[in-house]
Amino acid sequence: MDFLKDILGFLSKRKKFWLLPVIIILLFVGVMLSLASTSALAPFVYTLF
């Protein structure tokens, strides 16, 4: 949780709000790839990519 606070603090202090969509997309892709390798949803996730 401290990592998330550090990232948000960096974004607000440096006014780098344009990085927020990039971080969200990277997190989404990471979650989708982890679901694709470990669950029964793999065939459905692979069709997205």
N, C-alpha and C. Protein backbone atom coordinates (compact mmCIF):
# COMPACT_ATOMS: atom_id res chain seq x y z
N MET A 1 0.82 -1.19 0.00
CA MET A 1 0.00 0.00 0.00
C MET A 1 0.87 1.26 0.00
N ASP A 2 2.04 1.18 0.61
CA ASP A 2 2.94 2.33 0.60
C ASP A 2 3.42 2.65 -0.81
N PHE A 3 3.60 1.63 -1.61
CA PHE A 3 4.03 1.84 -2.99
C PHE A 3 2.99 2.65 -3.75
N LEU A 4 1.72 2.33 -3.55
CA LEU A 4 0.65 3.06 -4.22
C LEU A 4 0.60 4.51 -3.75
N LYS A 5 0.80 4.73 -2.45
CA LYS A 5 0.84 6.10 -1.94
C LYS A 5 2.02 6.87 -2.51
N ASP A 6 3.16 6.21 -2.65
CA ASP A 6 4.33 6.86 -3.24
C ASP A 6 4.10 7.25 -4.69
N ILE A 7 3.49 6.35 -5.45
CA ILE A 7 3.21 6.64 -6.86
C ILE A 7 2.24 7.81 -6.97
N LEU A 8 1.16 7.79 -6.19
CA LEU A 8 0.19 8.89 -6.25
C LEU A 8 0.80 10.19 -5.77
N GLY A 9 1.66 10.13 -4.75
CA GLY A 9 2.35 11.33 -4.29
C GLY A 9 3.26 11.90 -5.35
N PHE A 10 3.97 11.03 -6.05
CA PHE A 10 4.85 11.47 -7.14
C PHE A 10 4.04 12.15 -8.24
N LEU A 11 2.92 11.51 -8.63
CA LEU A 11 2.10 12.06 -9.71
C LEU A 11 1.53 13.42 -9.33
N SER A 12 1.11 13.58 -8.09
CA SER A 12 0.51 14.86 -7.71
C SER A 12 1.56 15.95 -7.50
N LYS A 13 2.71 15.58 -6.96
CA LYS A 13 3.75 16.58 -6.70
C LYS A 13 4.39 17.07 -7.99
N ARG A 14 4.64 16.17 -8.92
CA ARG A 14 5.32 16.53 -10.17
C ARG A 14 4.36 16.91 -11.29
N LYS A 15 3.05 16.84 -11.01
CA LYS A 15 2.02 17.17 -12.01
C LYS A 15 2.14 16.31 -13.26
N LYS A 16 2.35 15.03 -13.04
CA LYS A 16 2.49 14.08 -14.15
C LYS A 16 1.23 13.21 -14.26
N PHE A 17 0.08 13.86 -14.33
CA PHE A 17 -1.17 13.13 -14.37
C PHE A 17 -1.36 12.37 -15.68
N TRP A 18 -0.61 12.69 -16.71
CA TRP A 18 -0.72 11.98 -17.97
C TRP A 18 -0.20 10.55 -17.84
N LEU A 19 0.57 10.26 -16.79
CA LEU A 19 1.08 8.90 -16.58
C LEU A 19 0.02 7.97 -16.00
N LEU A 20 -1.04 8.53 -15.43
CA LEU A 20 -2.07 7.71 -14.79
C LEU A 20 -2.73 6.73 -15.76
N PRO A 21 -3.14 7.13 -16.96
CA PRO A 21 -3.72 6.13 -17.88
C PRO A 21 -2.73 5.04 -18.29
N VAL A 22 -1.47 5.39 -18.42
CA VAL A 22 -0.45 4.40 -18.78
C VAL A 22 -0.32 3.36 -17.67
N ILE A 23 -0.30 3.81 -16.43
CA ILE A 23 -0.19 2.90 -15.29
C ILE A 23 -1.41 2.01 -15.19
N ILE A 24 -2.59 2.57 -15.40
CA ILE A 24 -3.82 1.79 -15.33
C ILE A 24 -3.86 0.72 -16.42
N ILE A 25 -3.46 1.07 -17.62
CA ILE A 25 -3.46 0.10 -18.72
C ILE A 25 -2.45 -1.01 -18.46
N LEU A 26 -1.27 -0.65 -17.95
CA LEU A 26 -0.27 -1.68 -17.63
C LEU A 26 -0.77 -2.62 -16.54
N LEU A 27 -1.43 -2.09 -15.53
CA LEU A 27 -1.99 -2.94 -14.48
C LEU A 27 -3.08 -3.85 -15.04
N PHE A 28 -3.92 -3.32 -15.91
CA PHE A 28 -4.98 -4.12 -16.52
C PHE A 28 -4.41 -5.26 -17.35
N VAL A 29 -3.41 -4.97 -18.15
CA VAL A 29 -2.78 -6.02 -18.97
C VAL A 29 -2.11 -7.07 -18.09
N GLY A 30 -1.47 -6.64 -17.02
CA GLY A 30 -0.84 -7.58 -16.10
C GLY A 30 -1.84 -8.50 -15.44
N VAL A 31 -2.98 -7.94 -15.02
CA VAL A 31 -4.02 -8.77 -14.41
C VAL A 31 -4.61 -9.73 -15.43
N MET A 32 -4.83 -9.26 -16.63
CA MET A 32 -5.39 -10.14 -17.66
C MET A 32 -4.43 -11.28 -18.00
N LEU A 33 -3.15 -10.99 -18.06
CA LEU A 33 -2.18 -12.05 -18.37
C LEU A 33 -2.07 -13.05 -17.22
N SER A 34 -2.15 -12.57 -16.00
CA SER A 34 -2.09 -13.51 -14.88
C SER A 34 -3.35 -14.37 -14.82
N LEU A 35 -4.49 -13.80 -15.17
CA LEU A 35 -5.71 -14.60 -15.23
C LEU A 35 -5.65 -15.61 -16.37
N ALA A 36 -5.01 -15.23 -17.45
CA ALA A 36 -4.94 -16.12 -18.61
C ALA A 36 -4.10 -17.35 -18.33
N SER A 37 -3.16 -17.23 -17.43
CA SER A 37 -2.28 -18.36 -17.19
C SER A 37 -2.75 -19.25 -16.04
N THR A 38 -3.67 -18.77 -15.21
CA THR A 38 -3.98 -19.54 -14.01
C THR A 38 -5.45 -19.88 -13.83
N SER A 39 -6.31 -19.57 -14.77
CA SER A 39 -7.72 -19.83 -14.51
C SER A 39 -8.40 -20.50 -15.69
N ALA A 40 -9.66 -20.84 -15.47
CA ALA A 40 -10.46 -21.45 -16.53
C ALA A 40 -10.93 -20.41 -17.54
N LEU A 41 -10.67 -19.15 -17.26
CA LEU A 41 -11.06 -18.07 -18.17
C LEU A 41 -10.04 -17.86 -19.30
N ALA A 42 -9.01 -18.66 -19.31
CA ALA A 42 -7.93 -18.49 -20.28
C ALA A 42 -8.41 -18.43 -21.74
N PRO A 43 -9.28 -19.32 -22.18
CA PRO A 43 -9.71 -19.22 -23.59
C PRO A 43 -10.39 -17.90 -23.92
N PHE A 44 -11.10 -17.34 -22.96
CA PHE A 44 -11.79 -16.08 -23.21
C PHE A 44 -10.84 -14.89 -23.19
N VAL A 45 -9.81 -14.95 -22.35
CA VAL A 45 -8.85 -13.88 -22.27
C VAL A 45 -7.97 -13.88 -23.52
N TYR A 46 -7.63 -15.04 -24.01
CA TYR A 46 -6.77 -15.12 -25.20
C TYR A 46 -7.46 -14.54 -26.43
N THR A 47 -8.80 -14.58 -26.46
CA THR A 47 -9.48 -13.99 -27.60
C THR A 47 -9.40 -12.48 -27.60
N LEU A 48 -9.16 -11.87 -26.44
CA LEU A 48 -9.01 -10.42 -26.38
C LEU A 48 -7.69 -9.96 -26.98
N PHE A 49 -6.67 -10.78 -26.89
CA PHE A 49 -5.36 -10.43 -27.42
C PHE A 49 -5.20 -11.08 -28.74
